[in-house]
Amino acid sequence: MRTRMLVLSALLAAALPGTAAADAEEPVGAAELLAKVKHCTPVSKGKYRTDRSAAATVPVCGTDEVVFWEADMDIDCDGRVSTVCNTRTDPSFQPQTAFQGSDGTYLDSAEVPYVVVPGPGPLWNYSASGIKGGGVAAVVHDGKVRYAVVGDTGPAAIIGEGSYALARSLGIDPDPRTGGTASGVTYILFRNSQASPIESPAAAVAAGEALARKFVGGA
């Protein structure tokens, strides 16, 4: 009888796959992350512009675990040529990114959600804050959280840029000519982190969820 009961229990558990899902932790929410970055302790030596003609209003802020900023999102369509990212669709297209994938090729903006960090300059050097190519980022916009990697660098005095794939995942128009959004994007970069391989969106999500949960105090 005991053996039959154990078999029945095992069969019932197998027939109820929703039980394990119900016990799993909910993804870290936008409000949880934003609550942790409400206050800015600057790590940059001044403020960045969001565009060449804009006033310098955006500091890079930091905690022991992350650096972060709130800005716009311009569309970075650089890297491997695709049907949506090429010299025809983007007059500023460049066939390379600052960082490469595990196979040594440049990243594909249309497929890899990545953020762009300002190149090293007098305001800030990202590497001094533990940020590197393939580092993990959480990007928050309009109540959504998406995980990305550090995939490219931009001008040393301008901030606020993400890949075609990142913009699309956030519901932001990814068109490199006319897309992007003027404000309301929070970039949270985890210090001394690494997604491997850098070109895998799934790797960024797995690492990002774990880092985000630890950051908000859930692990």
C-alpha atoms as a PDB file:
ATOM      1  CA  MET A   1       0.000   0.000   0.000  1.00  0.00           C
ATOM      2  CA  ARG A   2       2.794   2.427   0.900  1.00  0.00           C
ATOM      3  CA  THR A   3       4.468   1.817  -2.451  1.00  0.00           C
ATOM      4  CA  ARG A   4       1.209   2.477  -4.308  1.00  0.00           C
ATOM      5  CA  MET A   5       0.694   5.744  -2.403  1.00  0.00           C
ATOM      6  CA  LEU A   6       4.201   6.955  -3.271  1.00  0.00           C
ATOM      7  CA  VAL A   7       3.626   6.168  -6.945  1.00  0.00           C
ATOM      8  CA  LEU A   8       0.301   8.033  -6.903  1.00  0.00           C
ATOM      9  CA  SER A   9       1.941  11.034  -5.254  1.00  0.00           C
ATOM     10  CA  ALA A  10       4.637  11.109  -7.923  1.00  0.00           C
ATOM     11  CA  LEU A  11       2.056  10.884 -10.706  1.00  0.00           C
ATOM     12  CA  LEU A  12       0.030  13.736  -9.213  1.00  0.00           C
ATOM     13  CA  ALA A  13       3.129  15.938  -8.946  1.00  0.00           C
ATOM     14  CA  ALA A  14       3.970  15.278 -12.577  1.00  0.00           C
ATOM     15  CA  ALA A  15       0.423  16.123 -13.608  1.00  0.00           C
ATOM     16  CA  LEU A  16       0.558  19.524 -11.897  1.00  0.00           C
ATOM     17  CA  PRO A  17       3.363  21.452 -13.607  1.00  0.00           C
ATOM     18  CA  GLY A  18       1.870  24.724 -12.449  1.00  0.00           C
ATOM     19  CA  THR A  19       2.911  24.006  -8.872  1.00  0.00           C
ATOM     20  CA  ALA A  20       6.606  24.572  -9.526  1.00  0.00           C
ATOM     21  CA  ALA A  21       5.850  27.734 -11.494  1.00  0.00           C
ATOM     22  CA  ALA A  22       3.671  29.017  -8.675  1.00  0.00           C
ATOM     23  CA  ASP A  23       6.549  28.507  -6.228  1.00  0.00           C
ATOM     24  CA  ALA A  24       9.045  30.362  -8.464  1.00  0.00           C
ATOM     25  CA  GLU A  25       9.958  33.947  -7.608  1.00  0.00           C
ATOM     26  CA  GLU A  26       8.317  36.720  -9.559  1.00  0.00           C
ATOM     27  CA  PRO A  27      10.649  38.732 -11.831  1.00  0.00           C
ATOM     28  CA  VAL A  28      12.096  41.876 -10.300  1.00  0.00           C
ATOM     29  CA  GLY A  29       9.778  44.768 -11.149  1.00  0.00           C
ATOM     30  CA  ALA A  30      10.481  48.244 -12.461  1.00  0.00           C
ATOM     31  CA  ALA A  31       9.265  49.901  -9.259  1.00  0.00           C
ATOM     32  CA  GLU A  32      11.615  47.793  -7.144  1.00  0.00           C
ATOM     33  CA  LEU A  33      14.627  48.768  -9.206  1.00  0.00           C
ATOM     34  CA  LEU A  34      13.700  52.439  -9.454  1.00  0.00           C
ATOM     35  CA  ALA A  35      13.258  52.618  -5.685  1.00  0.00           C
ATOM     36  CA  LYS A  36      16.891  51.596  -5.289  1.00  0.00           C
ATOM     37  CA  VAL A  37      18.197  54.337  -7.572  1.00  0.00           C
ATOM     38  CA  LYS A  38      16.135  57.281  -6.374  1.00  0.00           C
ATOM     39  CA  HIS A  39      19.122  59.072  -4.859  1.00  0.00           C
ATOM     40  CA  CYS A  40      22.218  60.004  -6.814  1.00  0.00           C
ATOM     41  CA  THR A  41      25.746  59.905  -5.486  1.00  0.00           C
ATOM     42  CA  PRO A  42      27.692  61.104  -8.526  1.00  0.00           C
ATOM     43  CA  VAL A  43      30.613  59.069  -9.800  1.00  0.00           C
ATOM     44  CA  SER A  44      31.135  61.266 -12.862  1.00  0.00           C
ATOM     45  CA  LYS A  45      33.060  64.512 -12.548  1.00  0.00           C
ATOM     46  CA  GLY A  46      30.289  66.473 -14.181  1.00  0.00           C
ATOM     47  CA  LYS A  47      27.171  65.993 -16.264  1.00  0.00           C
ATOM     48  CA  TYR A  48      26.554  64.587 -19.717  1.00  0.00           C
ATOM     49  CA  ARG A  49      24.558  65.864 -22.657  1.00  0.00           C
ATOM     50  CA  THR A  50      21.910  63.630 -24.200  1.00  0.00           C
ATOM     51  CA  ASP A  51      22.568  65.146 -27.637  1.00  0.00           C
ATOM     52  CA  ARG A  52      25.225  67.448 -29.036  1.00  0.00           C
ATOM     53  CA  SER A  53      22.949  70.483 -28.848  1.00  0.00           C
ATOM     54  CA  ALA A  54      21.445  69.688 -25.420  1.00  0.00           C
ATOM     55  CA  ALA A  55      22.471  71.132 -22.085  1.00  0.00           C
ATOM     56  CA  ALA A  56      24.597  68.932 -19.832  1.00  0.00           C
ATOM     57  CA  THR A  57      22.106  67.645 -17.247  1.00  0.00           C
ATOM     58  CA  VAL A  58      22.798  63.923 -16.688  1.00  0.00           C
ATOM     59  CA  PRO A  59      25.206  62.711 -14.006  1.00  0.00           C
ATOM     60  CA  VAL A  60      26.406  59.126 -13.732  1.00  0.00           C
ATOM     61  CA  CYS A  61      25.496  57.979 -10.242  1.00  0.00           C
ATOM     62  CA  GLY A  62      26.726  55.025  -8.227  1.00  0.00           C
ATOM     63  CA  THR A  63      26.337  52.648  -5.325  1.00  0.00           C
ATOM     64  CA  ASP A  64      28.645  49.828  -4.262  1.00  0.00           C
ATOM     65  CA  GLU A  65      26.807  47.482  -6.645  1.00  0.00           C
ATOM     66  CA  VAL A  66      25.794  49.552  -9.667  1.00  0.00           C
ATOM     67  CA  VAL A  67      26.254  52.721 -11.668  1.00  0.00           C
ATOM     68  CA  PHE A  68      23.166  54.320 -13.149  1.00  0.00           C
ATOM     69  CA  TRP A  69      21.710  57.280 -14.988  1.00  0.00           C
ATOM     70  CA  GLU A  70      18.400  58.475 -16.380  1.00  0.00           C
ATOM     71  CA  ALA A  71      18.387  59.842 -19.914  1.00  0.00           C
ATOM     72  CA  ASP A  72      16.875  59.521 -23.353  1.00  0.00           C
ATOM     73  CA  MET A  73      17.469  56.622 -25.717  1.00  0.00           C
ATOM     74  CA  ASP A  74      18.982  57.168 -29.135  1.00  0.00           C
ATOM     75  CA  ILE A  75      19.236  54.117 -31.371  1.00  0.00           C
ATOM     76  CA  ASP A  76      22.612  52.473 -31.921  1.00  0.00           C
ATOM     77  CA  CYS A  77      22.364  50.411 -35.122  1.00  0.00           C
ATOM     78  CA  ASP A  78      26.082  49.674 -35.470  1.00  0.00           C
ATOM     79  CA  GLY A  79      27.818  46.320 -35.801  1.00  0.00           C
ATOM     80  CA  ARG A  80      26.942  43.449 -38.076  1.00  0.00           C
ATOM     81  CA  VAL A  81      24.973  44.361 -41.190  1.00  0.00           C
ATOM     82  CA  SER A  82      21.317  43.305 -41.124  1.00  0.00           C
ATOM     83  CA  THR A  83      18.154  44.182 -42.994  1.00  0.00           C
ATOM     84  CA  VAL A  84      17.349  46.885 -40.423  1.00  0.00           C
ATOM     85  CA  CYS A  85      20.855  48.111 -39.621  1.00  0.00           C
ATOM     86  CA  ASN A  86      22.977  49.102 -42.614  1.00  0.00           C
ATOM     87  CA  THR A  87      24.167  52.183 -44.483  1.00  0.00           C
ATOM     88  CA  ARG A  88      20.813  52.509 -46.223  1.00  0.00           C
ATOM     89  CA  THR A  89      18.686  52.507 -43.076  1.00  0.00           C
ATOM     90  CA  ASP A  90      21.174  54.441 -40.922  1.00  0.00           C
ATOM     91  CA  PRO A  91      23.321  57.244 -42.406  1.00  0.00           C
ATOM     92  CA  SER A  92      25.578  57.029 -39.327  1.00  0.00           C
ATOM     93  CA  PHE A  93      25.999  53.256 -39.552  1.00  0.00           C
ATOM     94  CA  GLN A  94      29.366  51.809 -38.586  1.00  0.00           C
ATOM     95  CA  PRO A  95      30.124  48.119 -39.206  1.00  0.00           C
ATOM     96  CA  GLN A  96      31.739  47.600 -35.817  1.00  0.00           C
ATOM     97  CA  THR A  97      30.955  47.803 -32.117  1.00  0.00           C
ATOM     98  CA  ALA A  98      33.463  48.536 -29.369  1.00  0.00           C
ATOM     99  CA  PHE A  99      33.083  44.991 -28.046  1.00  0.00           C
ATOM    100  CA  GLN A 100      32.932  41.681 -29.849  1.00  0.00           C
ATOM    101  CA  GLY A 101      31.016  38.460 -29.417  1.00  0.00           C
ATOM    102  CA  SER A 102      32.488  35.153 -28.297  1.00  0.00           C
ATOM    103  CA  ASP A 103      33.260  34.265 -31.920  1.00  0.00           C
ATOM    104  CA  GLY A 104      35.262  37.460 -32.448  1.00  0.00           C
ATOM    105  CA  THR A 105      32.669  39.145 -34.653  1.00  0.00           C
ATOM    106  CA  TYR A 106      30.997  42.454 -33.934  1.00  0.00           C
ATOM    107  CA  LEU A 107      27.625  42.489 -32.223  1.00  0.00           C
ATOM    108  CA  ASP A 108      24.351  42.521 -34.139  1.00  0.00           C
ATOM    109  CA  SER A 109      22.322  45.506 -32.953  1.00  0.00           C
ATOM    110  CA  ALA A 110      19.166  43.990 -34.402  1.00  0.00           C
ATOM    111  CA  GLU A 111      19.505  40.851 -32.266  1.00  0.00           C
ATOM    112  CA  VAL A 112      21.556  41.744 -29.174  1.00  0.00           C
ATOM    113  CA  PRO A 113      20.015  44.048 -26.545  1.00  0.00           C
ATOM    114  CA  TYR A 114      22.924  46.243 -25.513  1.00  0.00           C
ATOM    115  CA  VAL A 115      23.560  49.623 -23.932  1.00  0.00           C
ATOM    116  CA  VAL A 116      26.129  52.175 -25.039  1.00  0.00           C
ATOM    117  CA  VAL A 117      28.447  53.759 -22.489  1.00  0.00           C
ATOM    118  CA  PRO A 118      30.258  57.060 -23.060  1.00  0.00           C
ATOM    119  CA  GLY A 119      33.843  56.563 -24.128  1.00  0.00           C
ATOM    120  CA  PRO A 120      36.482  57.338 -21.493  1.00  0.00           C
ATOM    121  CA  GLY A 121      36.931  61.063 -21.001  1.00  0.00           C
ATOM    122  CA  PRO A 122      37.314  63.801 -18.410  1.00  0.00           C
ATOM    123  CA  LEU A 123      33.815  63.225 -17.035  1.00  0.00           C
ATOM    124  CA  TRP A 124      34.070  59.488 -16.358  1.00  0.00           C
ATOM    125  CA  ASN A 125      35.923  56.319 -17.304  1.00  0.00           C
ATOM    126  CA  TYR A 126      33.528  53.389 -17.209  1.00  0.00           C
ATOM    127  CA  SER A 127      36.267  50.820 -16.601  1.00  0.00           C
ATOM    128  CA  ALA A 128      37.262  52.567 -13.360  1.00  0.00           C
ATOM    129  CA  SER A 129      33.750  51.794 -12.076  1.00  0.00           C
ATOM    130  CA  GLY A 130      33.978  48.070 -12.840  1.00  0.00           C
ATOM    131  CA  ILE A 131      32.064  48.326 -16.121  1.00  0.00           C
ATOM    132  CA  LYS A 132      33.319  46.344 -19.118  1.00  0.00           C
ATOM    133  CA  GLY A 133      32.190  44.919 -22.411  1.00  0.00           C
ATOM    134  CA  GLY A 134      29.629  42.212 -21.786  1.00  0.00           C
ATOM    135  CA  GLY A 135      28.762  43.644 -18.389  1.00  0.00           C
ATOM    136  CA  VAL A 136      25.120  43.245 -17.413  1.00  0.00           C
ATOM    137  CA  ALA A 137      22.564  46.064 -17.367  1.00  0.00           C
ATOM    138  CA  ALA A 138      18.946  46.443 -16.354  1.00  0.00           C
ATOM    139  CA  VAL A 139      17.105  49.051 -18.416  1.00  0.00           C
ATOM    140  CA  VAL A 140      13.795  50.456 -17.189  1.00  0.00           C
ATOM    141  CA  HIS A 141      11.250  52.353 -19.280  1.00  0.00           C
ATOM    142  CA  ASP A 142       7.503  52.821 -18.995  1.00  0.00           C
ATOM    143  CA  GLY A 143       7.115  50.128 -16.343  1.00  0.00           C
ATOM    144  CA  LYS A 144       9.177  47.559 -18.258  1.00  0.00           C
ATOM    145  CA  VAL A 145      12.494  45.986 -17.227  1.00  0.00           C
ATOM    146  CA  ARG A 146      14.762  44.523 -19.857  1.00  0.00           C
ATOM    147  CA  TYR A 147      18.228  43.049 -19.424  1.00  0.00           C
ATOM    148  CA  ALA A 148      21.085  43.893 -21.734  1.00  0.00           C
ATOM    149  CA  VAL A 149      24.853  43.895 -22.002  1.00  0.00           C
ATOM    150  CA  VAL A 150      27.385  46.681 -22.392  1.00  0.00           C
ATOM    151  CA  GLY A 151      27.957  46.422 -26.126  1.00  0.00           C
ATOM    152  CA  ASP A 152      29.345  49.659 -27.511  1.00  0.00           C
ATOM    153  CA  THR A 153      30.860  53.012 -26.602  1.00  0.00           C
ATOM    154  CA  GLY A 154      29.828  56.465 -27.752  1.00  0.00           C
ATOM    155  CA  PRO A 155      31.056  60.069 -27.603  1.00  0.00           C
ATOM    156  CA  ALA A 156      32.838  60.965 -24.376  1.00  0.00           C
ATOM    157  CA  ALA A 157      30.403  63.758 -23.473  1.00  0.00           C
ATOM    158  CA  ILE A 158      27.052  62.233 -24.555  1.00  0.00           C
ATOM    159  CA  ILE A 159      24.940  59.617 -22.816  1.00  0.00           C
ATOM    160  CA  GLY A 160      21.686  57.749 -23.486  1.00  0.00           C
ATOM    161  CA  GLU A 161      21.829  55.128 -26.231  1.00  0.00           C
ATOM    162  CA  GLY A 162      20.759  51.536 -26.765  1.00  0.00           C
ATOM    163  CA  SER A 163      20.735  48.968 -29.541  1.00  0.00           C
ATOM    164  CA  TYR A 164      17.934  48.390 -32.013  1.00  0.00           C
ATOM    165  CA  ALA A 165      17.027  45.144 -30.222  1.00  0.00           C
ATOM    166  CA  LEU A 166      16.945  46.797 -26.787  1.00  0.00           C
ATOM    167  CA  ALA A 167      14.708  49.631 -27.959  1.00  0.00           C
ATOM    168  CA  ARG A 168      12.337  47.199 -29.661  1.00  0.00           C
ATOM    169  CA  SER A 169      12.069  45.068 -26.505  1.00  0.00           C
ATOM    170  CA  LEU A 170      11.141  48.156 -24.471  1.00  0.00           C
ATOM    171  CA  GLY A 171       8.438  49.246 -26.890  1.00  0.00           C
ATOM    172  CA  ILE A 172      10.549  52.179 -28.123  1.00  0.00           C
ATOM    173  CA  ASP A 173      10.606  52.891 -31.854  1.00  0.00           C
ATOM    174  CA  PRO A 174      13.925  51.317 -32.948  1.00  0.00           C
ATOM    175  CA  ASP A 175      14.253  53.123 -36.270  1.00  0.00           C
ATOM    176  CA  PRO A 176      17.789  54.604 -36.279  1.00  0.00           C
ATOM    177  CA  ARG A 177      16.637  57.651 -38.256  1.00  0.00           C
ATOM    178  CA  THR A 178      13.426  58.605 -36.481  1.00  0.00           C
ATOM    179  CA  GLY A 179      13.125  56.363 -33.430  1.00  0.00           C
ATOM    180  CA  GLY A 180      14.227  56.533 -29.820  1.00  0.00           C
ATOM    181  CA  THR A 181      12.631  58.391 -26.966  1.00  0.00           C
ATOM    182  CA  ALA A 182      13.422  61.804 -25.517  1.00  0.00           C
ATOM    183  CA  SER A 183      13.437  60.872 -21.830  1.00  0.00           C
ATOM    184  CA  GLY A 184      12.419  58.430 -19.131  1.00  0.00           C
ATOM    185  CA  VAL A 185      14.957  55.632 -19.587  1.00  0.00           C
ATOM    186  CA  THR A 186      16.903  54.436 -16.547  1.00  0.00           C
ATOM    187  CA  TYR A 187      20.117  52.525 -17.191  1.00  0.00           C
ATOM    188  CA  ILE A 188      21.411  50.406 -14.297  1.00  0.00           C
ATOM    189  CA  LEU A 189      24.786  48.744 -14.902  1.00  0.00           C
ATOM    190  CA  PHE A 190      26.018  46.091 -12.477  1.00  0.00           C
ATOM    191  CA  ARG A 191      29.643  46.524 -11.482  1.00  0.00           C
ATOM    192  CA  ASN A 192      32.086  43.701 -12.199  1.00  0.00           C
ATOM    193  CA  SER A 193      29.420  41.603 -13.939  1.00  0.00           C
ATOM    194  CA  GLN A 194      29.625  39.559 -17.104  1.00  0.00           C
ATOM    195  CA  ALA A 195      27.116  37.826 -19.375  1.00  0.00           C
ATOM    196  CA  SER A 196      28.566  34.882 -21.223  1.00  0.00           C
ATOM    197  CA  PRO A 197      28.419  34.678 -24.127  1.00  0.00           C
ATOM    198  CA  ILE A 198      28.021  38.416 -24.597  1.00  0.00           C
ATOM    199  CA  GLU A 199      25.825  37.965 -27.689  1.00  0.00           C
ATOM    200  CA  SER A 200      23.249  35.768 -25.929  1.00  0.00           C
ATOM    201  CA  PRO A 201      20.087  37.624 -24.817  1.00  0.00           C
ATOM    202  CA  ALA A 202      19.239  34.618 -22.628  1.00  0.00           C
ATOM    203  CA  ALA A 203      22.573  34.920 -20.814  1.00  0.00           C
ATOM    204  CA  ALA A 204      21.900  38.600 -20.117  1.00  0.00           C
ATOM    205  CA  VAL A 205      18.454  37.789 -18.725  1.00  0.00           C
ATOM    206  CA  ALA A 206      19.711  34.968 -16.496  1.00  0.00           C
ATOM    207  CA  ALA A 207      22.566  37.029 -15.073  1.00  0.00           C
ATOM    208  CA  GLY A 208      20.453  40.180 -14.893  1.00  0.00           C
ATOM    209  CA  GLU A 209      17.614  38.601 -12.945  1.00  0.00           C
ATOM    210  CA  ALA A 210      20.034  37.191 -10.365  1.00  0.00           C
ATOM    211  CA  LEU A 211      21.904  40.485 -10.006  1.00  0.00           C
ATOM    212  CA  ALA A 212      18.707  42.538  -9.870  1.00  0.00           C
ATOM    213  CA  ARG A 213      17.200  40.320  -7.188  1.00  0.00           C
ATOM    214  CA  LYS A 214      20.323  40.627  -5.084  1.00  0.00           C
ATOM    215  CA  PHE A 215      20.370  44.392  -5.643  1.00  0.00           C
ATOM    216  CA  VAL A 216      16.796  44.899  -4.431  1.00  0.00           C
ATOM    217  CA  GLY A 217      17.413  42.664  -1.440  1.00  0.00           C
ATOM    218  CA  GLY A 218      15.710  39.477  -2.504  1.00  0.00           C
ATOM    219  CA  ALA A 219      18.748  37.200  -2.304  1.00  0.00           C
END
